[in-house]
C-alpha atoms as a PDB file:
ATOM      1  CA  MET A   1       6.090   5.042  18.261  1.00  0.00           C
ATOM      2  CA  ALA A   2       3.353   4.926  15.674  1.00  0.00           C
ATOM      3  CA  TRP A   3       2.068   2.069  13.549  1.00  0.00           C
ATOM      4  CA  ILE A   4       1.936   2.703   9.838  1.00  0.00           C
ATOM      5  CA  PHE A   5       0.475   0.697   6.982  1.00  0.00           C
ATOM      6  CA  VAL A   6       1.924   1.172   3.508  1.00  0.00           C
ATOM      7  CA  SER A   7       0.567  -0.126   0.222  1.00  0.00           C
ATOM      8  CA  VAL A   8       3.363  -1.388  -2.053  1.00  0.00           C
ATOM      9  CA  GLY A   9       2.823  -1.964  -5.758  1.00  0.00           C
ATOM     10  CA  SER A  10       4.692  -2.413  -9.027  1.00  0.00           C
ATOM     11  CA  ASN A  11       3.982  -3.474 -12.586  1.00  0.00           C
ATOM     12  CA  ILE A  12       7.435  -2.753 -14.054  1.00  0.00           C
ATOM     13  CA  GLN A  13      10.106  -5.334 -13.197  1.00  0.00           C
ATOM     14  CA  ARG A  14       7.736  -6.380 -10.439  1.00  0.00           C
ATOM     15  CA  ASP A  15       9.842  -8.980  -8.631  1.00  0.00           C
ATOM     16  CA  ALA A  16      12.923  -6.798  -8.330  1.00  0.00           C
ATOM     17  CA  ASN A  17      11.098  -3.578  -7.491  1.00  0.00           C
ATOM     18  CA  ILE A  18       8.881  -5.171  -4.835  1.00  0.00           C
ATOM     19  CA  ARG A  19      11.864  -6.958  -3.281  1.00  0.00           C
ATOM     20  CA  HIS A  20      14.056  -3.844  -3.230  1.00  0.00           C
ATOM     21  CA  GLY A  21      11.212  -1.574  -2.128  1.00  0.00           C
ATOM     22  CA  VAL A  22      10.453  -3.787   0.883  1.00  0.00           C
ATOM     23  CA  ALA A  23      14.171  -3.895   1.729  1.00  0.00           C
ATOM     24  CA  ALA A  24      14.236  -0.079   1.678  1.00  0.00           C
ATOM     25  CA  LEU A  25      11.204   0.032   3.996  1.00  0.00           C
ATOM     26  CA  ARG A  26      13.007  -2.330   6.386  1.00  0.00           C
ATOM     27  CA  ASN A  27      15.952   0.105   6.431  1.00  0.00           C
ATOM     28  CA  ASP A  28      13.773   3.082   7.410  1.00  0.00           C
ATOM     29  CA  PHE A  29      11.194   1.474   9.709  1.00  0.00           C
ATOM     30  CA  THR A  30      11.059  -1.207  12.411  1.00  0.00           C
ATOM     31  CA  ASP A  31       8.814  -4.139  13.358  1.00  0.00           C
ATOM     32  CA  VAL A  32       8.029  -4.720   9.681  1.00  0.00           C
ATOM     33  CA  ARG A  33       5.341  -7.261   8.814  1.00  0.00           C
ATOM     34  CA  LEU A  34       4.278  -8.160   5.279  1.00  0.00           C
ATOM     35  CA  SER A  35       1.004  -9.367   3.836  1.00  0.00           C
ATOM     36  CA  THR A  36       0.866 -11.932   1.090  1.00  0.00           C
ATOM     37  CA  VAL A  37       1.800 -10.544  -2.334  1.00  0.00           C
ATOM     38  CA  TYR A  38      -1.190 -10.389  -4.683  1.00  0.00           C
ATOM     39  CA  GLU A  39      -1.369 -10.037  -8.441  1.00  0.00           C
ATOM     40  CA  SER A  40      -4.117  -7.997 -10.059  1.00  0.00           C
ATOM     41  CA  GLU A  41      -4.969  -6.334 -13.303  1.00  0.00           C
ATOM     42  CA  ALA A  42      -4.188  -2.652 -13.671  1.00  0.00           C
ATOM     43  CA  VAL A  43      -7.015  -0.451 -12.343  1.00  0.00           C
ATOM     44  CA  GLY A  44      -7.943   2.708 -14.251  1.00  0.00           C
ATOM     45  CA  PHE A  45      -5.763   2.018 -17.306  1.00  0.00           C
ATOM     46  CA  SER A  46      -4.640  -0.740 -19.641  1.00  0.00           C
ATOM     47  CA  GLY A  47      -1.247  -2.094 -18.607  1.00  0.00           C
ATOM     48  CA  GLU A  48       0.708  -5.029 -17.246  1.00  0.00           C
ATOM     49  CA  ASN A  49      -0.596  -6.728 -14.112  1.00  0.00           C
ATOM     50  CA  PHE A  50       0.529  -5.366 -10.749  1.00  0.00           C
ATOM     51  CA  TYR A  51       2.008  -7.062  -7.722  1.00  0.00           C
ATOM     52  CA  ASN A  52       0.718  -5.536  -4.485  1.00  0.00           C
ATOM     53  CA  LEU A  53       1.070  -6.055  -0.766  1.00  0.00           C
ATOM     54  CA  VAL A  54       0.621  -4.110   2.448  1.00  0.00           C
ATOM     55  CA  VAL A  55       3.431  -3.515   4.911  1.00  0.00           C
ATOM     56  CA  ARG A  56       2.891  -2.780   8.590  1.00  0.00           C
ATOM     57  CA  ALA A  57       5.750  -1.084  10.437  1.00  0.00           C
ATOM     58  CA  SER A  58       6.479   1.134  13.397  1.00  0.00           C
ATOM     59  CA  THR A  59       8.135   4.514  13.281  1.00  0.00           C
ATOM     60  CA  HIS A  60       9.094   7.454  15.449  1.00  0.00           C
ATOM     61  CA  HIS A  61       8.656   9.849  12.483  1.00  0.00           C
ATOM     62  CA  ASP A  62       5.549  11.998  12.073  1.00  0.00           C
ATOM     63  CA  ALA A  63       3.155  11.266   9.191  1.00  0.00           C
ATOM     64  CA  PHE A  64       4.566  13.986   6.914  1.00  0.00           C
ATOM     65  CA  THR A  65       8.103  12.684   7.368  1.00  0.00           C
ATOM     66  CA  VAL A  66       6.928   9.134   6.633  1.00  0.00           C
ATOM     67  CA  ALA A  67       5.284  10.356   3.409  1.00  0.00           C
ATOM     68  CA  ALA A  68       8.540  12.095   2.431  1.00  0.00           C
ATOM     69  CA  ILE A  69      10.527   8.914   3.122  1.00  0.00           C
ATOM     70  CA  LEU A  70       8.148   6.943   0.909  1.00  0.00           C
ATOM     71  CA  ARG A  71       8.565   9.483  -1.929  1.00  0.00           C
ATOM     72  CA  ARG A  72      12.352   9.282  -1.556  1.00  0.00           C
ATOM     73  CA  ILE A  73      12.254   5.492  -1.823  1.00  0.00           C
ATOM     74  CA  GLU A  74      10.008   5.697  -4.906  1.00  0.00           C
ATOM     75  CA  ASP A  75      12.446   8.153  -6.477  1.00  0.00           C
ATOM     76  CA  GLN A  76      15.332   5.749  -5.827  1.00  0.00           C
ATOM     77  CA  PHE A  77      13.481   3.286  -8.045  1.00  0.00           C
ATOM     78  CA  ALA A  78      12.957   5.738 -10.918  1.00  0.00           C
ATOM     79  CA  ARG A  79       9.339   6.626 -10.150  1.00  0.00           C
ATOM     80  CA  ASN A  80       8.147   8.858 -12.987  1.00  0.00           C
ATOM     81  CA  ARG A  81       6.175  11.673 -11.370  1.00  0.00           C
ATOM     82  CA  LYS A  82       5.299  13.242 -14.735  1.00  0.00           C
ATOM     83  CA  SER A  83       3.294  10.242 -15.942  1.00  0.00           C
ATOM     84  CA  PRO A  84      -0.515  10.214 -15.645  1.00  0.00           C
ATOM     85  CA  ARG A  85      -2.000   9.237 -12.275  1.00  0.00           C
ATOM     86  CA  PHE A  86      -3.226   5.933 -13.667  1.00  0.00           C
ATOM     87  CA  SER A  87      -0.163   4.476 -15.364  1.00  0.00           C
ATOM     88  CA  SER A  88       2.534   1.850 -14.974  1.00  0.00           C
ATOM     89  CA  ARG A  89       4.795   2.142 -11.926  1.00  0.00           C
ATOM     90  CA  THR A  90       8.258   0.935 -11.036  1.00  0.00           C
ATOM     91  CA  LEU A  91       7.325   1.315  -7.377  1.00  0.00           C
ATOM     92  CA  ASP A  92       4.268   2.819  -5.733  1.00  0.00           C
ATOM     93  CA  LEU A  93       4.341   3.374  -1.958  1.00  0.00           C
ATOM     94  CA  ASP A  94       1.211   4.861  -0.409  1.00  0.00           C
ATOM     95  CA  LEU A  95       0.823   5.651   3.265  1.00  0.00           C
ATOM     96  CA  LEU A  96      -2.572   4.142   4.059  1.00  0.00           C
ATOM     97  CA  LEU A  97      -2.731   4.616   7.816  1.00  0.00           C
ATOM     98  CA  TYR A  98      -0.726   6.317  10.533  1.00  0.00           C
ATOM     99  CA  ASP A  99      -2.160   5.024  13.798  1.00  0.00           C
ATOM    100  CA  ASP A 100      -5.736   6.378  13.839  1.00  0.00           C
ATOM    101  CA  LEU A 101      -4.790   9.780  12.429  1.00  0.00           C
ATOM    102  CA  VAL A 102      -7.420  11.476  10.262  1.00  0.00           C
ATOM    103  CA  ILE A 103      -5.920  14.288   8.230  1.00  0.00           C
ATOM    104  CA  GLU A 104      -6.363  16.140   4.955  1.00  0.00           C
ATOM    105  CA  GLN A 105      -3.520  18.626   4.839  1.00  0.00           C
ATOM    106  CA  ASP A 106      -0.617  19.645   2.607  1.00  0.00           C
ATOM    107  CA  GLY A 107      -1.192  16.822   0.133  1.00  0.00           C
ATOM    108  CA  LEU A 108      -1.475  14.159   2.815  1.00  0.00           C
ATOM    109  CA  SER A 109      -4.784  12.326   3.122  1.00  0.00           C
ATOM    110  CA  LEU A 110      -5.210   9.790   5.928  1.00  0.00           C
ATOM    111  CA  PRO A 111      -6.716   7.310   5.955  1.00  0.00           C
ATOM    112  CA  ARG A 112      -6.244   6.807   2.201  1.00  0.00           C
ATOM    113  CA  GLN A 113      -9.439   6.481   0.204  1.00  0.00           C
ATOM    114  CA  GLU A 114      -7.948   3.489  -1.637  1.00  0.00           C
ATOM    115  CA  ILE A 115      -8.507   1.348   1.455  1.00  0.00           C
ATOM    116  CA  SER A 116     -12.225   1.052   0.750  1.00  0.00           C
ATOM    117  CA  ASN A 117     -12.065   1.347  -3.047  1.00  0.00           C
ATOM    118  CA  ASN A 118      -9.391  -1.107  -4.184  1.00  0.00           C
ATOM    119  CA  ALA A 119      -9.223  -4.849  -3.594  1.00  0.00           C
ATOM    120  CA  PHE A 120      -5.431  -4.788  -3.986  1.00  0.00           C
ATOM    121  CA  VAL A 121      -5.258  -2.589  -0.874  1.00  0.00           C
ATOM    122  CA  LEU A 122      -8.151  -3.882   1.200  1.00  0.00           C
ATOM    123  CA  GLU A 123      -7.482  -7.634   1.012  1.00  0.00           C
ATOM    124  CA  PRO A 124      -3.821  -7.465   2.110  1.00  0.00           C
ATOM    125  CA  LEU A 125      -4.734  -4.890   4.781  1.00  0.00           C
ATOM    126  CA  ALA A 126      -7.521  -7.132   6.072  1.00  0.00           C
ATOM    127  CA  GLU A 127      -5.040 -10.026   6.092  1.00  0.00           C
ATOM    128  CA  ILE A 128      -2.583  -8.340   8.483  1.00  0.00           C
ATOM    129  CA  ALA A 129      -4.908  -5.943  10.339  1.00  0.00           C
ATOM    130  CA  GLY A 130      -8.315  -7.580  10.045  1.00  0.00           C
ATOM    131  CA  ASP A 131      -9.483  -6.780  13.585  1.00  0.00           C
ATOM    132  CA  GLN A 132      -8.351  -3.158  13.454  1.00  0.00           C
ATOM    133  CA  ARG A 133     -10.926  -0.495  12.702  1.00  0.00           C
ATOM    134  CA  HIS A 134     -11.019   2.137  10.007  1.00  0.00           C
ATOM    135  CA  PRO A 135     -10.489   5.469  11.815  1.00  0.00           C
ATOM    136  CA  VAL A 136     -13.460   7.136  10.087  1.00  0.00           C
ATOM    137  CA  SER A 137     -16.094   4.420   9.560  1.00  0.00           C
ATOM    138  CA  GLY A 138     -15.174   2.377  12.632  1.00  0.00           C
ATOM    139  CA  GLU A 139     -15.588  -0.820  10.613  1.00  0.00           C
ATOM    140  CA  ARG A 140     -13.095  -3.636  10.941  1.00  0.00           C
ATOM    141  CA  TYR A 141     -10.974  -4.214   7.842  1.00  0.00           C
ATOM    142  CA  GLN A 142     -11.992  -7.871   7.684  1.00  0.00           C
ATOM    143  CA  ASP A 143     -15.648  -6.795   7.601  1.00  0.00           C
ATOM    144  CA  LEU A 144     -14.953  -4.230   4.882  1.00  0.00           C
ATOM    145  CA  TRP A 145     -13.215  -6.960   2.849  1.00  0.00           C
ATOM    146  CA  ARG A 146     -16.045  -9.432   3.454  1.00  0.00           C
ATOM    147  CA  ALA A 147     -18.542  -6.873   2.049  1.00  0.00           C
ATOM    148  CA  PHE A 148     -16.337  -5.832  -0.909  1.00  0.00           C
ATOM    149  CA  ASP A 149     -17.531  -6.726  -4.432  1.00  0.00           C
ATOM    150  CA  LYS A 150     -14.649  -9.080  -5.183  1.00  0.00           C
ATOM    151  CA  ALA A 151     -15.828  -9.781  -8.745  1.00  0.00           C
ATOM    152  CA  SER A 152     -15.297  -6.110  -9.631  1.00  0.00           C
ATOM    153  CA  GLN A 153     -11.520  -6.261  -9.019  1.00  0.00           C
ATOM    154  CA  PRO A 154     -10.191  -9.816  -9.073  1.00  0.00           C
ATOM    155  CA  LEU A 155      -6.824 -10.521  -7.516  1.00  0.00           C
ATOM    156  CA  TRP A 156      -4.989 -13.649  -6.547  1.00  0.00           C
ATOM    157  CA  PRO A 157      -2.182 -14.513  -4.115  1.00  0.00           C
ATOM    158  CA  ILE A 158       1.167 -15.456  -5.591  1.00  0.00           C
ATOM    159  CA  ALA A 159       4.168 -17.325  -4.261  1.00  0.00           C
ATOM    160  CA  PHE A 160       6.537 -14.384  -4.253  1.00  0.00           C
ATOM    161  CA  PRO A 161      10.245 -15.208  -4.714  1.00  0.00           C
ATOM    162  CA  TRP A 162      11.729 -13.323  -1.756  1.00  0.00           C
END
């Protein structure tokens, strides 16, 4: 079994899409644990605010199969793959980590660069995996979050209506 961490985000019908997306992840993976849900402004474009969280789960699938499962779930929620990279999303599921695997192959990049670059990924990851270490830098996620320029990408926890 492998541990995976998945970033979950939505800025279109956020409550419903986050709720249903997490339910779909629970159907495909085991030992699911959720971070707090955070709200943040859109990054890279002008749009509605996003809800984001990180999900930890275990799986017996390989990393490429996990990525395919995540794409299938996104498609179930009308993910528009023809829209620009930085645009509104019904549901965005990104595989951040697969154990300590480091890979750049066939469109799969692990660990995801967003871990270090985006507050909406790093804070929830640090919340549920703070003592774990980034497989490339070796830094703990809580230390990466502590050093992050929080003023550059403000976000705030919300009381999510599960």
